[in-house]
C-alpha cells in the first residue's frame, strides 16, 4: 500500500471560506491553479463553520487547508488553528489568501498560519508554496505516527 508520504501521491488541499464572506471567485481560481498543478483539491462552498472545516480535513485526509478571506473572516482562523490542534490535526498546514491587513497577518502567523497570500500573488508561488507545505505536513504526520 502506498503511504501518503510517497512523492507520487498528490498533495490533498482543502480550499474553503469560513464565516460570512461569500465572495468566492478568488478561491475558485486558486483551487483551479492547484488542481491543474496535479493536486487533489476539495473545494467547499462559502459560509463554512470551523467545525465543518475540521471534520472535512479529517475525513479527506488533507495536507493543507487554504482559507480565502476578502472581508474580516480571516480573524476566525486562529480559532480554526486551535480546533485543528484539538482534533489531532496539528500537522495540517493552513494558508490564508485575500485581503489581510499587515497587523492581522502577524497575528495569523503567531496563531500558526504557514503563509498569507495577498492579491496579486503569482500562480507559481502559490502552487510551489502549497506543494512544499503539503510535503512538510506529511513528514510531520509520519513523525507523529512513528512516536
C-alpha atoms as a PDB file:
ATOM      1  CA  UNK A   1       0.000   0.000   0.000  1.00  0.00           C
ATOM      2  CA  UNK A   2       1.235   3.476  -0.860  1.00  0.00           C
ATOM      3  CA  UNK A   3       1.811   5.817   2.067  1.00  0.00           C
ATOM      4  CA  UNK A   4       0.809   9.473   1.971  1.00  0.00           C
ATOM      5  CA  UNK A   5       4.464  10.470   2.083  1.00  0.00           C
ATOM      6  CA  UNK A   6       5.123   8.793  -1.276  1.00  0.00           C
ATOM      7  CA  UNK A   7       6.189  11.516  -3.727  1.00  0.00           C
ATOM      8  CA  UNK A   8       3.779  10.118  -6.332  1.00  0.00           C
ATOM      9  CA  UNK A   9       0.817  10.633  -4.008  1.00  0.00           C
ATOM     10  CA  UNK A  10      -0.615  14.062  -4.897  1.00  0.00           C
ATOM     11  CA  UNK A  11      -0.977  16.689  -2.193  1.00  0.00           C
ATOM     12  CA  UNK A  12      -4.513  16.973  -0.797  1.00  0.00           C
ATOM     13  CA  UNK A  13      -5.729  20.518  -0.286  1.00  0.00           C
ATOM     14  CA  UNK A  14      -8.987  21.783   1.183  1.00  0.00           C
ATOM     15  CA  UNK A  15      -9.944  25.218  -0.183  1.00  0.00           C
ATOM     16  CA  UNK A  16     -12.633  26.907   1.863  1.00  0.00           C
ATOM     17  CA  UNK A  17     -14.203  30.104   3.119  1.00  0.00           C
ATOM     18  CA  UNK A  18     -15.196  30.403   6.761  1.00  0.00           C
ATOM     19  CA  UNK A  19     -17.534  32.970   8.227  1.00  0.00           C
ATOM     20  CA  UNK A  20     -19.942  35.153   6.292  1.00  0.00           C
ATOM     21  CA  UNK A  21     -17.804  36.243   3.311  1.00  0.00           C
ATOM     22  CA  UNK A  22     -19.450  34.867   0.181  1.00  0.00           C
ATOM     23  CA  UNK A  23     -17.053  36.270  -2.427  1.00  0.00           C
ATOM     24  CA  UNK A  24     -15.592  33.044  -3.808  1.00  0.00           C
ATOM     25  CA  UNK A  25     -14.151  33.967  -7.205  1.00  0.00           C
ATOM     26  CA  UNK A  26     -10.570  34.083  -5.906  1.00  0.00           C
ATOM     27  CA  UNK A  27     -10.860  30.785  -4.054  1.00  0.00           C
ATOM     28  CA  UNK A  28     -12.263  29.106  -7.179  1.00  0.00           C
ATOM     29  CA  UNK A  29      -9.342  30.420  -9.238  1.00  0.00           C
ATOM     30  CA  UNK A  30      -6.774  29.226  -6.696  1.00  0.00           C
ATOM     31  CA  UNK A  31      -8.499  25.837  -6.467  1.00  0.00           C
ATOM     32  CA  UNK A  32      -8.189  25.533 -10.259  1.00  0.00           C
ATOM     33  CA  UNK A  33      -4.465  26.500 -10.096  1.00  0.00           C
ATOM     34  CA  UNK A  34      -3.819  23.759  -7.563  1.00  0.00           C
ATOM     35  CA  UNK A  35      -5.900  21.170  -9.420  1.00  0.00           C
ATOM     36  CA  UNK A  36      -4.154  21.986 -12.715  1.00  0.00           C
ATOM     37  CA  UNK A  37      -0.813  21.501 -10.935  1.00  0.00           C
ATOM     38  CA  UNK A  38      -1.834  17.914 -10.099  1.00  0.00           C
ATOM     39  CA  UNK A  39      -3.064  18.360  -6.545  1.00  0.00           C
ATOM     40  CA  UNK A  40      -6.248  16.789  -5.217  1.00  0.00           C
ATOM     41  CA  UNK A  41      -8.477  19.709  -4.281  1.00  0.00           C
ATOM     42  CA  UNK A  42     -11.516  19.513  -2.058  1.00  0.00           C
ATOM     43  CA  UNK A  43     -13.478  22.719  -2.593  1.00  0.00           C
ATOM     44  CA  UNK A  44     -16.262  23.890  -0.309  1.00  0.00           C
ATOM     45  CA  UNK A  45     -18.949  26.435  -0.868  1.00  0.00           C
ATOM     46  CA  UNK A  46     -18.696  29.688   1.106  1.00  0.00           C
ATOM     47  CA  UNK A  47     -20.014  30.171   4.645  1.00  0.00           C
ATOM     48  CA  UNK A  48     -18.380  27.154   6.255  1.00  0.00           C
ATOM     49  CA  UNK A  49     -18.234  26.767  10.013  1.00  0.00           C
ATOM     50  CA  UNK A  50     -14.951  25.911  11.703  1.00  0.00           C
ATOM     51  CA  UNK A  51     -16.226  22.539  12.976  1.00  0.00           C
ATOM     52  CA  UNK A  52     -17.238  21.553   9.439  1.00  0.00           C
ATOM     53  CA  UNK A  53     -13.820  22.512   8.044  1.00  0.00           C
ATOM     54  CA  UNK A  54     -12.063  20.437  10.722  1.00  0.00           C
ATOM     55  CA  UNK A  55     -14.354  17.472  10.045  1.00  0.00           C
ATOM     56  CA  UNK A  56     -13.677  17.710   6.295  1.00  0.00           C
ATOM     57  CA  UNK A  57      -9.933  17.979   6.885  1.00  0.00           C
ATOM     58  CA  UNK A  58     -10.075  14.790   8.936  1.00  0.00           C
ATOM     59  CA  UNK A  59     -12.378  12.885   6.582  1.00  0.00           C
ATOM     60  CA  UNK A  60     -10.487  13.910   3.454  1.00  0.00           C
ATOM     61  CA  UNK A  61      -7.023  13.403   4.998  1.00  0.00           C
ATOM     62  CA  UNK A  62      -5.792  16.782   3.772  1.00  0.00           C
ATOM     63  CA  UNK A  63      -2.274  18.122   3.970  1.00  0.00           C
ATOM     64  CA  UNK A  64      -3.110  21.815   3.581  1.00  0.00           C
ATOM     65  CA  UNK A  65      -6.149  23.999   4.185  1.00  0.00           C
ATOM     66  CA  UNK A  66      -6.439  27.179   2.162  1.00  0.00           C
ATOM     67  CA  UNK A  67      -8.767  29.798   3.635  1.00  0.00           C
ATOM     68  CA  UNK A  68      -9.908  32.654   1.422  1.00  0.00           C
ATOM     69  CA  UNK A  69     -10.909  35.941   3.022  1.00  0.00           C
ATOM     70  CA  UNK A  70     -11.985  39.132   1.330  1.00  0.00           C
ATOM     71  CA  UNK A  71     -13.653  40.601   4.391  1.00  0.00           C
ATOM     72  CA  UNK A  72     -12.604  40.131   8.006  1.00  0.00           C
ATOM     73  CA  UNK A  73     -13.263  36.398   8.139  1.00  0.00           C
ATOM     74  CA  UNK A  74      -9.519  35.735   8.383  1.00  0.00           C
ATOM     75  CA  UNK A  75      -9.926  36.807  12.018  1.00  0.00           C
ATOM     76  CA  UNK A  76     -11.633  33.425  12.600  1.00  0.00           C
ATOM     77  CA  UNK A  77      -8.548  31.494  11.502  1.00  0.00           C
ATOM     78  CA  UNK A  78      -6.881  31.435  14.959  1.00  0.00           C
ATOM     79  CA  UNK A  79      -9.966  29.567  16.206  1.00  0.00           C
ATOM     80  CA  UNK A  80      -9.563  27.160  13.295  1.00  0.00           C
ATOM     81  CA  UNK A  81      -5.935  26.573  14.298  1.00  0.00           C
ATOM     82  CA  UNK A  82      -6.985  25.652  17.856  1.00  0.00           C
ATOM     83  CA  UNK A  83      -9.743  23.368  16.573  1.00  0.00           C
ATOM     84  CA  UNK A  84      -7.306  21.570  14.249  1.00  0.00           C
ATOM     85  CA  UNK A  85      -4.862  21.014  17.111  1.00  0.00           C
ATOM     86  CA  UNK A  86      -7.664  19.768  19.362  1.00  0.00           C
ATOM     87  CA  UNK A  87      -8.705  17.282  16.643  1.00  0.00           C
ATOM     88  CA  UNK A  88      -5.172  15.891  16.353  1.00  0.00           C
ATOM     89  CA  UNK A  89      -4.572  17.680  13.059  1.00  0.00           C
ATOM     90  CA  UNK A  90      -1.725  19.902  14.151  1.00  0.00           C
ATOM     91  CA  UNK A  91       0.350  18.675  11.201  1.00  0.00           C
ATOM     92  CA  UNK A  92      -2.130  20.142   8.674  1.00  0.00           C
ATOM     93  CA  UNK A  93      -0.750  23.376   7.267  1.00  0.00           C
ATOM     94  CA  UNK A  94      -3.019  26.396   6.880  1.00  0.00           C
ATOM     95  CA  UNK A  95      -2.610  29.189   4.364  1.00  0.00           C
ATOM     96  CA  UNK A  96      -4.769  32.281   4.029  1.00  0.00           C
ATOM     97  CA  UNK A  97      -5.348  34.233   0.855  1.00  0.00           C
ATOM     98  CA  UNK A  98      -7.056  37.515   0.194  1.00  0.00           C
ATOM     99  CA  UNK A  99      -7.346  40.889   1.858  1.00  0.00           C
ATOM    100  CA  UNK A 100      -5.353  40.676   5.085  1.00  0.00           C
ATOM    101  CA  UNK A 101      -4.009  43.856   6.734  1.00  0.00           C
ATOM    102  CA  UNK A 102      -0.371  43.741   7.853  1.00  0.00           C
ATOM    103  CA  UNK A 103      -1.246  43.800  11.562  1.00  0.00           C
ATOM    104  CA  UNK A 104      -3.667  40.902  11.093  1.00  0.00           C
ATOM    105  CA  UNK A 105      -1.086  38.954   9.094  1.00  0.00           C
ATOM    106  CA  UNK A 106       1.296  38.992  12.052  1.00  0.00           C
ATOM    107  CA  UNK A 107      -1.492  37.699  14.301  1.00  0.00           C
ATOM    108  CA  UNK A 108      -2.261  34.882  11.846  1.00  0.00           C
ATOM    109  CA  UNK A 109       1.377  33.822  11.695  1.00  0.00           C
ATOM    110  CA  UNK A 110       1.548  33.912  15.504  1.00  0.00           C
ATOM    111  CA  UNK A 111      -1.515  31.626  15.567  1.00  0.00           C
ATOM    112  CA  UNK A 112       0.286  29.090  13.367  1.00  0.00           C
ATOM    113  CA  UNK A 113      -0.715  30.035   9.810  1.00  0.00           C
ATOM    114  CA  UNK A 114       2.067  28.946   7.469  1.00  0.00           C
ATOM    115  CA  UNK A 115       1.642  31.571   4.759  1.00  0.00           C
ATOM    116  CA  UNK A 116      -0.529  34.549   3.824  1.00  0.00           C
ATOM    117  CA  UNK A 117      -1.023  35.232   0.115  1.00  0.00           C
ATOM    118  CA  UNK A 118      -2.097  38.739  -0.849  1.00  0.00           C
ATOM    119  CA  UNK A 119      -3.967  39.788  -4.009  1.00  0.00           C
ATOM    120  CA  UNK A 120      -1.681  39.517  -6.999  1.00  0.00           C
ATOM    121  CA  UNK A 121       0.325  36.570  -5.650  1.00  0.00           C
ATOM    122  CA  UNK A 122       1.790  34.667  -8.577  1.00  0.00           C
ATOM    123  CA  UNK A 123       0.311  31.319  -9.509  1.00  0.00           C
ATOM    124  CA  UNK A 124       3.706  29.592  -9.410  1.00  0.00           C
ATOM    125  CA  UNK A 125       4.391  30.984  -5.933  1.00  0.00           C
ATOM    126  CA  UNK A 126       1.062  29.711  -4.619  1.00  0.00           C
ATOM    127  CA  UNK A 127       1.455  26.266  -6.192  1.00  0.00           C
ATOM    128  CA  UNK A 128       5.080  25.910  -5.082  1.00  0.00           C
ATOM    129  CA  UNK A 129       4.425  27.009  -1.511  1.00  0.00           C
ATOM    130  CA  UNK A 130       1.357  24.769  -1.123  1.00  0.00           C
ATOM    131  CA  UNK A 131       3.259  21.772  -2.527  1.00  0.00           C
ATOM    132  CA  UNK A 132       6.173  22.385  -0.134  1.00  0.00           C
ATOM    133  CA  UNK A 133       3.799  22.767   2.821  1.00  0.00           C
ATOM    134  CA  UNK A 134       1.978  19.554   1.880  1.00  0.00           C
ATOM    135  CA  UNK A 135       5.279  17.663   1.869  1.00  0.00           C
ATOM    136  CA  UNK A 136       6.152  19.152   5.264  1.00  0.00           C
ATOM    137  CA  UNK A 137       2.737  18.183   6.668  1.00  0.00           C
ATOM    138  CA  UNK A 138       3.215  14.596   5.522  1.00  0.00           C
ATOM    139  CA  UNK A 139       6.669  14.380   7.105  1.00  0.00           C
ATOM    140  CA  UNK A 140       5.315  15.742  10.394  1.00  0.00           C
ATOM    141  CA  UNK A 141       2.384  13.304  10.334  1.00  0.00           C
ATOM    142  CA  UNK A 142       4.760  10.387   9.779  1.00  0.00           C
ATOM    143  CA  UNK A 143       6.927  11.531  12.690  1.00  0.00           C
ATOM    144  CA  UNK A 144       3.864  11.755  14.927  1.00  0.00           C
ATOM    145  CA  UNK A 145       2.739   8.287  13.869  1.00  0.00           C
ATOM    146  CA  UNK A 146       6.211   6.829  14.421  1.00  0.00           C
ATOM    147  CA  UNK A 147       6.401   8.059  18.007  1.00  0.00           C
END
